């Protein structure tokens, strides 16, 4: 079974990651490192990541669904699966923003 491959190239995701306070940025990098050592089945089952489909957000064209996962203790990221890749989209400034609520 192949490992998850990370795609961190989305500019909005990069802005969110690089603008995190240092302790949270370190925590996010630990999560990303953990992810690249996992298979997709492990990602789906991991209770710490809480991979869940976001029904309230319309995915971009060509993407079947957008998901959220815990990237730090207090923040969630949005991403989608593309084959073996997890393609990151954003890191929300707060929990509700992940789900399109405000």
C-alpha atoms as a PDB file:
ATOM      1  CA  UNK A   1       0.000   0.000   0.000  1.00  0.00           C
ATOM      2  CA  UNK A   2       1.466   3.372  -1.020  1.00  0.00           C
ATOM      3  CA  UNK A   3       1.936   6.334   1.278  1.00  0.00           C
ATOM      4  CA  UNK A   4       0.043   9.613   0.995  1.00  0.00           C
ATOM      5  CA  UNK A   5       1.843  12.220  -1.131  1.00  0.00           C
ATOM      6  CA  UNK A   6       1.489  15.851  -0.023  1.00  0.00           C
ATOM      7  CA  UNK A   7       0.718  18.734  -2.375  1.00  0.00           C
ATOM      8  CA  UNK A   8       1.372  21.972  -0.492  1.00  0.00           C
ATOM      9  CA  UNK A   9       1.527  24.231  -3.563  1.00  0.00           C
ATOM     10  CA  UNK A  10      -1.764  26.108  -3.190  1.00  0.00           C
ATOM     11  CA  UNK A  11      -0.903  29.787  -2.436  1.00  0.00           C
ATOM     12  CA  UNK A  12      -3.829  30.161   0.009  1.00  0.00           C
ATOM     13  CA  UNK A  13      -2.645  27.104   1.935  1.00  0.00           C
ATOM     14  CA  UNK A  14       0.926  28.433   1.973  1.00  0.00           C
ATOM     15  CA  UNK A  15      -0.239  31.845   3.240  1.00  0.00           C
ATOM     16  CA  UNK A  16      -2.184  30.158   6.028  1.00  0.00           C
ATOM     17  CA  UNK A  17       0.732  27.893   6.971  1.00  0.00           C
ATOM     18  CA  UNK A  18       3.459  30.548   6.899  1.00  0.00           C
ATOM     19  CA  UNK A  19       1.344  33.061   8.825  1.00  0.00           C
ATOM     20  CA  UNK A  20       0.608  30.715  11.731  1.00  0.00           C
ATOM     21  CA  UNK A  21       2.228  31.666  15.041  1.00  0.00           C
ATOM     22  CA  UNK A  22       5.469  29.724  15.489  1.00  0.00           C
ATOM     23  CA  UNK A  23       4.131  27.041  17.915  1.00  0.00           C
ATOM     24  CA  UNK A  24       1.122  26.339  15.669  1.00  0.00           C
ATOM     25  CA  UNK A  25       3.292  26.314  12.535  1.00  0.00           C
ATOM     26  CA  UNK A  26       5.545  23.735  14.198  1.00  0.00           C
ATOM     27  CA  UNK A  27       2.494  21.651  15.121  1.00  0.00           C
ATOM     28  CA  UNK A  28       1.169  21.878  11.536  1.00  0.00           C
ATOM     29  CA  UNK A  29       4.536  20.710  10.164  1.00  0.00           C
ATOM     30  CA  UNK A  30       4.467  17.743  12.567  1.00  0.00           C
ATOM     31  CA  UNK A  31       0.995  16.835  11.264  1.00  0.00           C
ATOM     32  CA  UNK A  32       2.181  17.108   7.648  1.00  0.00           C
ATOM     33  CA  UNK A  33       5.160  14.888   8.425  1.00  0.00           C
ATOM     34  CA  UNK A  34       2.832  12.354  10.076  1.00  0.00           C
ATOM     35  CA  UNK A  35       0.557  12.388   7.003  1.00  0.00           C
ATOM     36  CA  UNK A  36       3.349  11.604   4.542  1.00  0.00           C
ATOM     37  CA  UNK A  37       4.158   8.457   6.511  1.00  0.00           C
ATOM     38  CA  UNK A  38       0.566   7.172   6.387  1.00  0.00           C
ATOM     39  CA  UNK A  39      -1.508   5.235   3.867  1.00  0.00           C
ATOM     40  CA  UNK A  40      -4.921   6.553   2.855  1.00  0.00           C
ATOM     41  CA  UNK A  41      -6.660   3.889   4.967  1.00  0.00           C
ATOM     42  CA  UNK A  42      -4.718   5.139   7.997  1.00  0.00           C
ATOM     43  CA  UNK A  43      -5.729   8.738   7.239  1.00  0.00           C
ATOM     44  CA  UNK A  44      -9.409   7.783   7.079  1.00  0.00           C
ATOM     45  CA  UNK A  45      -9.226   5.900  10.413  1.00  0.00           C
ATOM     46  CA  UNK A  46      -6.986   8.293  12.391  1.00  0.00           C
ATOM     47  CA  UNK A  47      -9.020   9.831  15.235  1.00  0.00           C
ATOM     48  CA  UNK A  48      -6.568  12.715  15.700  1.00  0.00           C
ATOM     49  CA  UNK A  49      -6.891  13.953  12.111  1.00  0.00           C
ATOM     50  CA  UNK A  50     -10.703  13.710  11.996  1.00  0.00           C
ATOM     51  CA  UNK A  51     -10.879  13.530   8.177  1.00  0.00           C
ATOM     52  CA  UNK A  52     -14.433  14.564   7.304  1.00  0.00           C
ATOM     53  CA  UNK A  53     -16.343  15.571   4.191  1.00  0.00           C
ATOM     54  CA  UNK A  54     -17.559  19.178   4.077  1.00  0.00           C
ATOM     55  CA  UNK A  55     -21.081  19.111   2.672  1.00  0.00           C
ATOM     56  CA  UNK A  56     -21.600  22.898   3.030  1.00  0.00           C
ATOM     57  CA  UNK A  57     -18.808  23.822   0.566  1.00  0.00           C
ATOM     58  CA  UNK A  58     -19.113  23.295  -3.190  1.00  0.00           C
ATOM     59  CA  UNK A  59     -15.913  21.684  -4.497  1.00  0.00           C
ATOM     60  CA  UNK A  60     -14.013  23.196  -7.431  1.00  0.00           C
ATOM     61  CA  UNK A  61     -14.644  21.825 -10.916  1.00  0.00           C
ATOM     62  CA  UNK A  62     -13.181  18.340 -11.331  1.00  0.00           C
ATOM     63  CA  UNK A  63     -13.068  17.656  -7.566  1.00  0.00           C
ATOM     64  CA  UNK A  64     -15.653  15.251  -6.139  1.00  0.00           C
ATOM     65  CA  UNK A  65     -15.545  16.494  -2.524  1.00  0.00           C
ATOM     66  CA  UNK A  66     -13.656  18.772  -0.152  1.00  0.00           C
ATOM     67  CA  UNK A  67     -12.591  17.450   3.243  1.00  0.00           C
ATOM     68  CA  UNK A  68     -11.364  18.978   6.462  1.00  0.00           C
ATOM     69  CA  UNK A  69      -8.751  17.588   8.784  1.00  0.00           C
ATOM     70  CA  UNK A  70      -7.193  18.742  12.006  1.00  0.00           C
ATOM     71  CA  UNK A  71      -3.795  20.261  11.227  1.00  0.00           C
ATOM     72  CA  UNK A  72      -3.144  21.735  14.707  1.00  0.00           C
ATOM     73  CA  UNK A  73      -4.938  21.455  18.025  1.00  0.00           C
ATOM     74  CA  UNK A  74      -7.122  24.477  17.196  1.00  0.00           C
ATOM     75  CA  UNK A  75      -7.108  24.675  13.379  1.00  0.00           C
ATOM     76  CA  UNK A  76      -8.386  22.623  10.492  1.00  0.00           C
ATOM     77  CA  UNK A  77      -7.190  22.502   6.901  1.00  0.00           C
ATOM     78  CA  UNK A  78      -9.220  21.828   3.783  1.00  0.00           C
ATOM     79  CA  UNK A  79      -7.998  19.384   1.174  1.00  0.00           C
ATOM     80  CA  UNK A  80      -9.085  16.793  -1.343  1.00  0.00           C
ATOM     81  CA  UNK A  81      -7.802  13.446  -2.480  1.00  0.00           C
ATOM     82  CA  UNK A  82      -6.392  13.121  -5.985  1.00  0.00           C
ATOM     83  CA  UNK A  83      -5.083   9.566  -6.411  1.00  0.00           C
ATOM     84  CA  UNK A  84      -2.276   9.161  -3.864  1.00  0.00           C
ATOM     85  CA  UNK A  85      -2.070  12.939  -3.407  1.00  0.00           C
ATOM     86  CA  UNK A  86      -3.649  14.991  -0.656  1.00  0.00           C
ATOM     87  CA  UNK A  87      -3.972  18.440  -2.203  1.00  0.00           C
ATOM     88  CA  UNK A  88      -4.237  21.113   0.489  1.00  0.00           C
ATOM     89  CA  UNK A  89      -6.410  24.174  -0.154  1.00  0.00           C
ATOM     90  CA  UNK A  90      -6.554  26.302   3.013  1.00  0.00           C
ATOM     91  CA  UNK A  91      -5.857  26.527   6.707  1.00  0.00           C
ATOM     92  CA  UNK A  92      -8.848  28.179   8.340  1.00  0.00           C
ATOM     93  CA  UNK A  93      -8.361  31.099  10.702  1.00  0.00           C
ATOM     94  CA  UNK A  94     -10.991  29.543  12.975  1.00  0.00           C
ATOM     95  CA  UNK A  95     -12.913  26.285  13.196  1.00  0.00           C
ATOM     96  CA  UNK A  96     -16.231  27.565  11.759  1.00  0.00           C
ATOM     97  CA  UNK A  97     -14.540  29.120   8.717  1.00  0.00           C
ATOM     98  CA  UNK A  98     -13.560  25.614   7.570  1.00  0.00           C
ATOM     99  CA  UNK A  99     -17.221  24.757   7.054  1.00  0.00           C
ATOM    100  CA  UNK A 100     -18.183  27.953   5.238  1.00  0.00           C
ATOM    101  CA  UNK A 101     -19.985  29.389   8.299  1.00  0.00           C
ATOM    102  CA  UNK A 102     -19.469  32.821   9.847  1.00  0.00           C
END
